[in-house]
Amino acid sequence: EGLKDTTWKPLSGTTPCFPAWASGHS
């Protein structure tokens, strides 16, 4: 949305549907 690159996908293929902070895995 910010960089307007609509084709970019995360390496994992999915992303959680809640805000980013803080990393639980970390």
mmCIF file of all heavy atoms, coordinates in Angstrom:
data_MODEL
# 
_entry.id   MODEL 
# 
loop_
_atom_site.group_PDB 
_atom_site.id 
_atom_site.type_symbol 
_atom_site.label_atom_id 
_atom_site.label_alt_id 
_atom_site.label_comp_id 
_atom_site.label_asym_id 
_atom_site.label_entity_id 
_atom_site.label_seq_id 
_atom_site.pdbx_PDB_ins_code 
_atom_site.Cartn_x 
_atom_site.Cartn_y 
_atom_site.Cartn_z 
_atom_site.occupancy 
_atom_site.B_iso_or_equiv 
_atom_site.pdbx_formal_charge 
_atom_site.auth_seq_id 
_atom_site.auth_comp_id 
_atom_site.auth_asym_id 
_atom_site.auth_atom_id 
_atom_site.pdbx_PDB_model_num 
ATOM 1   N N   . GLU A 1 1  ? 0.814  -1.216  0.000  1.00 0.00 ? 1  GLU A N   1 
ATOM 2   C CA  . GLU A 1 1  ? 0.000  0.000   0.000  1.00 0.00 ? 1  GLU A CA  1 
ATOM 3   C C   . GLU A 1 1  ? 0.848  1.267   0.000  1.00 0.00 ? 1  GLU A C   1 
ATOM 4   O O   . GLU A 1 1  ? 0.560  2.207   -0.729 1.00 0.00 ? 1  GLU A O   1 
ATOM 5   C CB  . GLU A 1 1  ? -0.951 -0.016  1.189  1.00 0.00 ? 1  GLU A CB  1 
ATOM 6   C CG  . GLU A 1 1  ? -1.961 -1.149  1.094  1.00 0.00 ? 1  GLU A CG  1 
ATOM 7   C CD  . GLU A 1 1  ? -2.796 -1.311  2.348  1.00 0.00 ? 1  GLU A CD  1 
ATOM 8   O OE1 . GLU A 1 1  ? -3.059 -0.290  3.022  1.00 0.00 ? 1  GLU A OE1 1 
ATOM 9   O OE2 . GLU A 1 1  ? -3.188 -2.451  2.646  1.00 0.00 ? 1  GLU A OE2 1 
ATOM 10  N N   . GLY A 1 2  ? 1.886  1.297   0.835  1.00 0.00 ? 2  GLY A N   1 
ATOM 11  C CA  . GLY A 1 2  ? 2.721  2.493   0.936  1.00 0.00 ? 2  GLY A CA  1 
ATOM 12  C C   . GLY A 1 2  ? 3.646  2.677   -0.248 1.00 0.00 ? 2  GLY A C   1 
ATOM 13  O O   . GLY A 1 2  ? 3.787  3.771   -0.784 1.00 0.00 ? 2  GLY A O   1 
ATOM 14  N N   . LEU A 1 3  ? 4.277  1.596   -0.683 1.00 0.00 ? 3  LEU A N   1 
ATOM 15  C CA  . LEU A 1 3  ? 5.215  1.669   -1.813 1.00 0.00 ? 3  LEU A CA  1 
ATOM 16  C C   . LEU A 1 3  ? 4.549  1.331   -3.146 1.00 0.00 ? 3  LEU A C   1 
ATOM 17  O O   . LEU A 1 3  ? 5.191  1.371   -4.184 1.00 0.00 ? 3  LEU A O   1 
ATOM 18  C CB  . LEU A 1 3  ? 6.407  0.734   -1.571 1.00 0.00 ? 3  LEU A CB  1 
ATOM 19  C CG  . LEU A 1 3  ? 7.278  1.064   -0.364 1.00 0.00 ? 3  LEU A CG  1 
ATOM 20  C CD1 . LEU A 1 3  ? 8.379  0.026   -0.210 1.00 0.00 ? 3  LEU A CD1 1 
ATOM 21  C CD2 . LEU A 1 3  ? 7.870  2.463   -0.496 1.00 0.00 ? 3  LEU A CD2 1 
ATOM 22  N N   . LYS A 1 4  ? 3.274  0.957   -3.082 1.00 0.00 ? 4  LYS A N   1 
ATOM 23  C CA  . LYS A 1 4  ? 2.485  0.639   -4.282 1.00 0.00 ? 4  LYS A CA  1 
ATOM 24  C C   . LYS A 1 4  ? 3.047  -0.545  -5.080 1.00 0.00 ? 4  LYS A C   1 
ATOM 25  O O   . LYS A 1 4  ? 2.945  -0.595  -6.288 1.00 0.00 ? 4  LYS A O   1 
ATOM 26  C CB  . LYS A 1 4  ? 2.366  1.864   -5.195 1.00 0.00 ? 4  LYS A CB  1 
ATOM 27  C CG  . LYS A 1 4  ? 1.868  3.112   -4.516 1.00 0.00 ? 4  LYS A CG  1 
ATOM 28  C CD  . LYS A 1 4  ? 0.438  2.962   -4.072 1.00 0.00 ? 4  LYS A CD  1 
ATOM 29  C CE  . LYS A 1 4  ? -0.069 4.294   -3.517 1.00 0.00 ? 4  LYS A CE  1 
ATOM 30  N NZ  . LYS A 1 4  ? -0.989 4.145   -2.443 1.00 0.00 ? 4  LYS A NZ  1 
ATOM 31  N N   . ASP A 1 5  ? 3.650  -1.502  -4.366 1.00 0.00 ? 5  ASP A N   1 
ATOM 32  C CA  . ASP A 1 5  ? 4.132  -2.724  -5.024 1.00 0.00 ? 5  ASP A CA  1 
ATOM 33  C C   . ASP A 1 5  ? 3.145  -3.836  -4.690 1.00 0.00 ? 5  ASP A C   1 
ATOM 34  O O   . ASP A 1 5  ? 3.334  -4.603  -3.745 1.00 0.00 ? 5  ASP A O   1 
ATOM 35  C CB  . ASP A 1 5  ? 5.539  -3.080  -4.546 1.00 0.00 ? 5  ASP A CB  1 
ATOM 36  C CG  . ASP A 1 5  ? 6.118  -4.287  -5.268 1.00 0.00 ? 5  ASP A CG  1 
ATOM 37  O OD1 . ASP A 1 5  ? 5.367  -4.975  -5.995 1.00 0.00 ? 5  ASP A OD1 1 
ATOM 38  O OD2 . ASP A 1 5  ? 7.314  -4.562  -5.097 1.00 0.00 ? 5  ASP A OD2 1 
ATOM 39  N N   . THR A 1 6  ? 2.092  -3.923  -5.469 1.00 0.00 ? 6  THR A N   1 
ATOM 40  C CA  . THR A 1 6  ? 0.994  -4.841  -5.167 1.00 0.00 ? 6  THR A CA  1 
ATOM 41  C C   . THR A 1 6  ? 1.334  -6.302  -5.415 1.00 0.00 ? 6  THR A C   1 
ATOM 42  O O   . THR A 1 6  ? 0.583  -7.192  -5.014 1.00 0.00 ? 6  THR A O   1 
ATOM 43  C CB  . THR A 1 6  ? -0.255 -4.473  -5.992 1.00 0.00 ? 6  THR A CB  1 
ATOM 44  O OG1 . THR A 1 6  ? 0.101  -4.479  -7.371 1.00 0.00 ? 6  THR A OG1 1 
ATOM 45  C CG2 . THR A 1 6  ? -0.772 -3.093  -5.600 1.00 0.00 ? 6  THR A CG2 1 
ATOM 46  N N   . THR A 1 7  ? 2.458  -6.582  -6.053 1.00 0.00 ? 7  THR A N   1 
ATOM 47  C CA  . THR A 1 7  ? 2.825  -7.965  -6.343 1.00 0.00 ? 7  THR A CA  1 
ATOM 48  C C   . THR A 1 7  ? 3.748  -8.568  -5.288 1.00 0.00 ? 7  THR A C   1 
ATOM 49  O O   . THR A 1 7  ? 3.981  -9.774  -5.297 1.00 0.00 ? 7  THR A O   1 
ATOM 50  C CB  . THR A 1 7  ? 3.512  -8.072  -7.713 1.00 0.00 ? 7  THR A CB  1 
ATOM 51  O OG1 . THR A 1 7  ? 4.707  -7.304  -7.697 1.00 0.00 ? 7  THR A OG1 1 
ATOM 52  C CG2 . THR A 1 7  ? 2.588  -7.575  -8.823 1.00 0.00 ? 7  THR A CG2 1 
ATOM 53  N N   . TRP A 1 8  ? 4.278  -7.741  -4.368 1.00 0.00 ? 8  TRP A N   1 
ATOM 54  C CA  . TRP A 1 8  ? 5.221  -8.250  -3.366 1.00 0.00 ? 8  TRP A CA  1 
ATOM 55  C C   . TRP A 1 8  ? 4.515  -9.182  -2.402 1.00 0.00 ? 8  TRP A C   1 
ATOM 56  O O   . TRP A 1 8  ? 3.391  -8.936  -1.968 1.00 0.00 ? 8  TRP A O   1 
ATOM 57  C CB  . TRP A 1 8  ? 5.859  -7.107  -2.585 1.00 0.00 ? 8  TRP A CB  1 
ATOM 58  C CG  . TRP A 1 8  ? 6.931  -7.579  -1.661 1.00 0.00 ? 8  TRP A CG  1 
ATOM 59  C CD1 . TRP A 1 8  ? 8.234  -7.799  -1.972 1.00 0.00 ? 8  TRP A CD1 1 
ATOM 60  C CD2 . TRP A 1 8  ? 6.797  -7.905  -0.271 1.00 0.00 ? 8  TRP A CD2 1 
ATOM 61  N NE1 . TRP A 1 8  ? 8.915  -8.243  -0.868 1.00 0.00 ? 8  TRP A NE1 1 
ATOM 62  C CE2 . TRP A 1 8  ? 8.066  -8.324  0.196  1.00 0.00 ? 8  TRP A CE2 1 
ATOM 63  C CE3 . TRP A 1 8  ? 5.731  -7.907  0.631  1.00 0.00 ? 8  TRP A CE3 1 
ATOM 64  C CZ2 . TRP A 1 8  ? 8.298  -8.714  1.503  1.00 0.00 ? 8  TRP A CZ2 1 
ATOM 65  C CZ3 . TRP A 1 8  ? 5.960  -8.295  1.932  1.00 0.00 ? 8  TRP A CZ3 1 
ATOM 66  C CH2 . TRP A 1 8  ? 7.233  -8.693  2.357  1.00 0.00 ? 8  TRP A CH2 1 
ATOM 67  N N   . LYS A 1 9  ? 5.179  -10.308 -2.098 1.00 0.00 ? 9  LYS A N   1 
ATOM 68  C CA  . LYS A 1 9  ? 4.638  -11.277 -1.146 1.00 0.00 ? 9  LYS A CA  1 
ATOM 69  C C   . LYS A 1 9  ? 5.709  -11.599 -0.116 1.00 0.00 ? 9  LYS A C   1 
ATOM 70  O O   . LYS A 1 9  ? 6.882  -11.741 -0.456 1.00 0.00 ? 9  LYS A O   1 
ATOM 71  C CB  . LYS A 1 9  ? 4.222  -12.564 -1.855 1.00 0.00 ? 9  LYS A CB  1 
ATOM 72  C CG  . LYS A 1 9  ? 3.074  -12.385 -2.791 1.00 0.00 ? 9  LYS A CG  1 
ATOM 73  C CD  . LYS A 1 9  ? 2.706  -13.694 -3.443 1.00 0.00 ? 9  LYS A CD  1 
ATOM 74  C CE  . LYS A 1 9  ? 1.562  -13.461 -4.407 1.00 0.00 ? 9  LYS A CE  1 
ATOM 75  N NZ  . LYS A 1 9  ? 1.240  -14.646 -5.179 1.00 0.00 ? 9  LYS A NZ  1 
ATOM 76  N N   . PRO A 1 10 ? 5.308  -11.775 1.150  1.00 0.00 ? 10 PRO A N   1 
ATOM 77  C CA  . PRO A 1 10 ? 6.279  -12.178 2.160  1.00 0.00 ? 10 PRO A CA  1 
ATOM 78  C C   . PRO A 1 10 ? 6.786  -13.597 1.873  1.00 0.00 ? 10 PRO A C   1 
ATOM 79  O O   . PRO A 1 10 ? 6.072  -14.400 1.276  1.00 0.00 ? 10 PRO A O   1 
ATOM 80  C CB  . PRO A 1 10 ? 5.499  -12.119 3.472  1.00 0.00 ? 10 PRO A CB  1 
ATOM 81  C CG  . PRO A 1 10 ? 4.069  -12.200 3.080  1.00 0.00 ? 10 PRO A CG  1 
ATOM 82  C CD  . PRO A 1 10 ? 3.967  -11.631 1.691  1.00 0.00 ? 10 PRO A CD  1 
ATOM 83  N N   . LEU A 1 11 ? 7.990  -13.876 2.298  1.00 0.00 ? 11 LEU A N   1 
ATOM 84  C CA  . LEU A 1 11 ? 8.605  -15.181 2.078  1.00 0.00 ? 11 LEU A CA  1 
ATOM 85  C C   . LEU A 1 11 ? 7.736  -16.308 2.632  1.00 0.00 ? 11 LEU A C   1 
ATOM 86  O O   . LEU A 1 11 ? 7.651  -17.388 2.062  1.00 0.00 ? 11 LEU A O   1 
ATOM 87  C CB  . LEU A 1 11 ? 9.997  -15.214 2.718  1.00 0.00 ? 11 LEU A CB  1 
ATOM 88  C CG  . LEU A 1 11 ? 10.848 -16.444 2.502  1.00 0.00 ? 11 LEU A CG  1 
ATOM 89  C CD1 . LEU A 1 11 ? 11.088 -16.702 1.024  1.00 0.00 ? 11 LEU A CD1 1 
ATOM 90  C CD2 . LEU A 1 11 ? 12.174 -16.290 3.231  1.00 0.00 ? 11 LEU A CD2 1 
ATOM 91  N N   . SER A 1 12 ? 7.060  -16.046 3.733  1.00 0.00 ? 12 SER A N   1 
ATOM 92  C CA  . SER A 1 12 ? 6.231  -17.076 4.361  1.00 0.00 ? 12 SER A CA  1 
ATOM 93  C C   . SER A 1 12 ? 4.945  -17.341 3.586  1.00 0.00 ? 12 SER A C   1 
ATOM 94  O O   . SER A 1 12 ? 4.292  -18.351 3.811  1.00 0.00 ? 12 SER A O   1 
ATOM 95  C CB  . SER A 1 12 ? 5.879  -16.680 5.797  1.00 0.00 ? 12 SER A CB  1 
ATOM 96  O OG  . SER A 1 12 ? 5.051  -15.535 5.780  1.00 0.00 ? 12 SER A OG  1 
ATOM 97  N N   . GLY A 1 13 ? 4.556  -16.430 2.698  1.00 0.00 ? 13 GLY A N   1 
ATOM 98  C CA  . GLY A 1 13 ? 3.321  -16.600 1.945  1.00 0.00 ? 13 GLY A CA  1 
ATOM 99  C C   . GLY A 1 13 ? 2.101  -16.037 2.650  1.00 0.00 ? 13 GLY A C   1 
ATOM 100 O O   . GLY A 1 13 ? 1.097  -15.746 2.031  1.00 0.00 ? 13 GLY A O   1 
ATOM 101 N N   . THR A 1 14 ? 2.189  -15.902 3.970  1.00 0.00 ? 14 THR A N   1 
ATOM 102 C CA  . THR A 1 14 ? 1.072  -15.347 4.739  1.00 0.00 ? 14 THR A CA  1 
ATOM 103 C C   . THR A 1 14 ? 1.613  -14.345 5.749  1.00 0.00 ? 14 THR A C   1 
ATOM 104 O O   . THR A 1 14 ? 2.808  -14.306 6.029  1.00 0.00 ? 14 THR A O   1 
ATOM 105 C CB  . THR A 1 14 ? 0.316  -16.448 5.516  1.00 0.00 ? 14 THR A CB  1 
ATOM 106 O OG1 . THR A 1 14 ? 1.225  -17.069 6.430  1.00 0.00 ? 14 THR A OG1 1 
ATOM 107 C CG2 . THR A 1 14 ? -0.262 -17.488 4.580  1.00 0.00 ? 14 THR A CG2 1 
ATOM 108 N N   . THR A 1 15 ? 0.722  -13.572 6.289  1.00 0.00 ? 15 THR A N   1 
ATOM 109 C CA  . THR A 1 15 ? 1.095  -12.626 7.329  1.00 0.00 ? 15 THR A CA  1 
ATOM 110 C C   . THR A 1 15 ? -0.058 -12.527 8.318  1.00 0.00 ? 15 THR A C   1 
ATOM 111 O O   . THR A 1 15 ? -1.224 -12.613 7.917  1.00 0.00 ? 15 THR A O   1 
ATOM 112 C CB  . THR A 1 15 ? 1.453  -11.251 6.709  1.00 0.00 ? 15 THR A CB  1 
ATOM 113 O OG1 . THR A 1 15 ? 2.068  -10.443 7.691  1.00 0.00 ? 15 THR A OG1 1 
ATOM 114 C CG2 . THR A 1 15 ? 0.264  -10.546 6.134  1.00 0.00 ? 15 THR A CG2 1 
ATOM 115 N N   . PRO A 1 16 ? 0.229  -12.389 9.608  1.00 0.00 ? 16 PRO A N   1 
ATOM 116 C CA  . PRO A 1 16 ? -0.852 -12.300 10.594 1.00 0.00 ? 16 PRO A CA  1 
ATOM 117 C C   . PRO A 1 16 ? -1.759 -11.094 10.338 1.00 0.00 ? 16 PRO A C   1 
ATOM 118 O O   . PRO A 1 16 ? -1.332 -10.094 9.767  1.00 0.00 ? 16 PRO A O   1 
ATOM 119 C CB  . PRO A 1 16 ? -0.108 -12.147 11.919 1.00 0.00 ? 16 PRO A CB  1 
ATOM 120 C CG  . PRO A 1 16 ? 1.230  -12.752 11.663 1.00 0.00 ? 16 PRO A CG  1 
ATOM 121 C CD  . PRO A 1 16 ? 1.548  -12.422 10.238 1.00 0.00 ? 16 PRO A CD  1 
ATOM 122 N N   . CYS A 1 17 ? -2.986 -11.207 10.785 1.00 0.00 ? 17 CYS A N   1 
ATOM 123 C CA  . CYS A 1 17 ? -3.982 -10.153 10.530 1.00 0.00 ? 17 CYS A CA  1 
ATOM 124 C C   . CYS A 1 17 ? -4.127 -9.197  11.712 1.00 0.00 ? 17 CYS A C   1 
ATOM 125 O O   . CYS A 1 17 ? -5.191 -8.655  11.949 1.00 0.00 ? 17 CYS A O   1 
ATOM 126 C CB  . CYS A 1 17 ? -5.325 -10.791 10.192 1.00 0.00 ? 17 CYS A CB  1 
ATOM 127 S SG  . CYS A 1 17 ? -5.964 -11.825 11.515 1.00 0.00 ? 17 CYS A SG  1 
ATOM 128 N N   . PHE A 1 18 ? -3.032 -8.970  12.452 1.00 0.00 ? 18 PHE A N   1 
ATOM 129 C CA  . PHE A 1 18 ? -3.048 -8.005  13.547 1.00 0.00 ? 18 PHE A CA  1 
ATOM 130 C C   . PHE A 1 18 ? -1.764 -7.190  13.473 1.00 0.00 ? 18 PHE A C   1 
ATOM 131 O O   . PHE A 1 18 ? -0.822 -7.584  12.788 1.00 0.00 ? 18 PHE A O   1 
ATOM 132 C CB  . PHE A 1 18 ? -3.205 -8.708  14.910 1.00 0.00 ? 18 PHE A CB  1 
ATOM 133 C CG  . PHE A 1 18 ? -2.295 -9.889  15.094 1.00 0.00 ? 18 PHE A CG  1 
ATOM 134 C CD1 . PHE A 1 18 ? -0.988 -9.728  15.548 1.00 0.00 ? 18 PHE A CD1 1 
ATOM 135 C CD2 . PHE A 1 18 ? -2.734 -11.169 14.810 1.00 0.00 ? 18 PHE A CD2 1 
ATOM 136 C CE1 . PHE A 1 18 ? -0.153 -10.819 15.719 1.00 0.00 ? 18 PHE A CE1 1 
ATOM 137 C CE2 . PHE A 1 18 ? -1.911 -12.264 14.976 1.00 0.00 ? 18 PHE A CE2 1 
ATOM 138 C CZ  . PHE A 1 18 ? -0.609 -12.084 15.436 1.00 0.00 ? 18 PHE A CZ  1 
ATOM 139 N N   . PRO A 1 19 ? -1.692 -6.051  14.165 1.00 0.00 ? 19 PRO A N   1 
ATOM 140 C CA  . PRO A 1 19 ? -0.525 -5.168  14.047 1.00 0.00 ? 19 PRO A CA  1 
ATOM 141 C C   . PRO A 1 19 ? 0.800  -5.870  14.351 1.00 0.00 ? 19 PRO A C   1 
ATOM 142 O O   . PRO A 1 19 ? 0.843  -6.893  15.036 1.00 0.00 ? 19 PRO A O   1 
ATOM 143 C CB  . PRO A 1 19 ? -0.805 -4.068  15.056 1.00 0.00 ? 19 PRO A CB  1 
ATOM 144 C CG  . PRO A 1 19 ? -2.284 -4.045  15.164 1.00 0.00 ? 19 PRO A CG  1 
ATOM 145 C CD  . PRO A 1 19 ? -2.711 -5.486  15.031 1.00 0.00 ? 19 PRO A CD  1 
ATOM 146 N N   . ALA A 1 20 ? 1.885  -5.297  13.864 1.00 0.00 ? 20 ALA A N   1 
ATOM 147 C CA  . ALA A 1 20 ? 3.192  -5.949  13.852 1.00 0.00 ? 20 ALA A CA  1 
ATOM 148 C C   . ALA A 1 20 ? 3.903  -6.032  15.190 1.00 0.00 ? 20 ALA A C   1 
ATOM 149 O O   . ALA A 1 20 ? 4.632  -6.963  15.433 1.00 0.00 ? 20 ALA A O   1 
ATOM 150 C CB  . ALA A 1 20 ? 4.108  -5.238  12.848 1.00 0.00 ? 20 ALA A CB  1 
ATOM 151 N N   . TRP A 1 21 ? 3.762  -5.110  16.072 1.00 0.00 ? 21 TRP A N   1 
ATOM 152 C CA  . TRP A 1 21 ? 4.634  -5.002  17.239 1.00 0.00 ? 21 TRP A CA  1 
ATOM 153 C C   . TRP A 1 21 ? 4.067  -5.769  18.416 1.00 0.00 ? 21 TRP A C   1 
ATOM 154 O O   . TRP A 1 21 ? 2.861  -5.725  18.641 1.00 0.00 ? 21 TRP A O   1 
ATOM 155 C CB  . TRP A 1 21 ? 4.770  -3.525  17.591 1.00 0.00 ? 21 TRP A CB  1 
ATOM 156 C CG  . TRP A 1 21 ? 5.650  -3.253  18.728 1.00 0.00 ? 21 TRP A CG  1 
ATOM 157 C CD1 . TRP A 1 21 ? 6.998  -3.117  18.693 1.00 0.00 ? 21 TRP A CD1 1 
ATOM 158 C CD2 . TRP A 1 21 ? 5.262  -3.063  20.080 1.00 0.00 ? 21 TRP A CD2 1 
ATOM 159 N NE1 . TRP A 1 21 ? 7.482  -2.848  19.935 1.00 0.00 ? 21 TRP A NE1 1 
ATOM 160 C CE2 . TRP A 1 21 ? 6.423  -2.819  20.820 1.00 0.00 ? 21 TRP A CE2 1 
ATOM 161 C CE3 . TRP A 1 21 ? 4.061  -3.089  20.766 1.00 0.00 ? 21 TRP A CE3 1 
ATOM 162 C CZ2 . TRP A 1 21 ? 6.421  -2.582  22.185 1.00 0.00 ? 21 TRP A CZ2 1 
ATOM 163 C CZ3 . TRP A 1 21 ? 4.054  -2.867  22.116 1.00 0.00 ? 21 TRP A CZ3 1 
ATOM 164 C CH2 . TRP A 1 21 ? 5.229  -2.604  22.809 1.00 0.00 ? 21 TRP A CH2 1 
ATOM 165 N N   . ALA A 1 22 ? 4.836  -6.383  19.246 1.00 0.00 ? 22 ALA A N   1 
ATOM 166 C CA  . ALA A 1 22 ? 6.228  -6.823  19.142 1.00 0.00 ? 22 ALA A CA  1 
ATOM 167 C C   . ALA A 1 22 ? 6.251  -8.280  18.676 1.00 0.00 ? 22 ALA A C   1 
ATOM 168 O O   . ALA A 1 22 ? 5.247  -8.976  18.789 1.00 0.00 ? 22 ALA A O   1 
ATOM 169 C CB  . ALA A 1 22 ? 6.936  -6.722  20.489 1.00 0.00 ? 22 ALA A CB  1 
ATOM 170 N N   . SER A 1 23 ? 7.391  -8.742  18.220 1.00 0.00 ? 23 SER A N   1 
ATOM 171 C CA  . SER A 1 23 ? 7.493  -10.093 17.687 1.00 0.00 ? 23 SER A CA  1 
ATOM 172 C C   . SER A 1 23 ? 7.417  -11.147 18.785 1.00 0.00 ? 23 SER A C   1 
ATOM 173 O O   . SER A 1 23 ? 8.298  -11.235 19.640 1.00 0.00 ? 23 SER A O   1 
ATOM 174 C CB  . SER A 1 23 ? 8.803  -10.247 16.922 1.00 0.00 ? 23 SER A CB  1 
ATOM 175 O OG  . SER A 1 23 ? 9.044  -11.605 16.623 1.00 0.00 ? 23 SER A OG  1 
ATOM 176 N N   . GLY A 1 24 ? 6.370  -11.945 18.750 1.00 0.00 ? 24 GLY A N   1 
ATOM 177 C CA  . GLY A 1 24 ? 6.219  -13.028 19.720 1.00 0.00 ? 24 GLY A CA  1 
ATOM 178 C C   . GLY A 1 24 ? 7.300  -14.088 19.571 1.00 0.00 ? 24 GLY A C   1 
ATOM 179 O O   . GLY A 1 24 ? 7.845  -14.572 20.565 1.00 0.00 ? 24 GLY A O   1 
ATOM 180 N N   . HIS A 1 25 ? 7.635  -14.448 18.324 1.00 0.00 ? 25 HIS A N   1 
ATOM 181 C CA  . HIS A 1 25 ? 8.684  -15.443 18.105 1.00 0.00 ? 25 HIS A CA  1 
ATOM 182 C C   . HIS A 1 25 ? 10.018 -14.966 18.670 1.00 0.00 ? 25 HIS A C   1 
ATOM 183 O O   . HIS A 1 25 ? 10.764 -15.748 19.264 1.00 0.00 ? 25 HIS A O   1 
ATOM 184 C CB  . HIS A 1 25 ? 8.826  -15.762 16.612 1.00 0.00 ? 25 HIS A CB  1 
ATOM 185 C CG  . HIS A 1 25 ? 7.758  -16.651 16.082 1.00 0.00 ? 25 HIS A CG  1 
ATOM 186 N ND1 . HIS A 1 25 ? 6.521  -16.180 15.740 1.00 0.00 ? 25 HIS A ND1 1 
ATOM 187 C CD2 . HIS A 1 25 ? 7.749  -17.971 15.830 1.00 0.00 ? 25 HIS A CD2 1 
ATOM 188 C CE1 . HIS A 1 25 ? 5.783  -17.185 15.304 1.00 0.00 ? 25 HIS A CE1 1 
ATOM 189 N NE2 . HIS A 1 25 ? 6.506  -18.290 15.347 1.00 0.00 ? 25 HIS A NE2 1 
ATOM 190 N N   . SER A 1 26 ? 10.311 -13.689 18.492 1.00 0.00 ? 26 SER A N   1 
ATOM 191 C CA  . SER A 1 26 ? 11.558 -13.133 19.041 1.00 0.00 ? 26 SER A CA  1 
ATOM 192 C C   . SER A 1 26 ? 11.537 -13.204 20.564 1.00 0.00 ? 26 SER A C   1 
ATOM 193 O O   . SER A 1 26 ? 12.555 -13.521 21.185 1.00 0.00 ? 26 SER A O   1 
ATOM 194 C CB  . SER A 1 26 ? 11.739 -11.681 18.601 1.00 0.00 ? 26 SER A CB  1 
ATOM 195 O OG  . SER A 1 26 ? 11.810 -11.592 17.206 1.00 0.00 ? 26 SER A OG  1 
# 
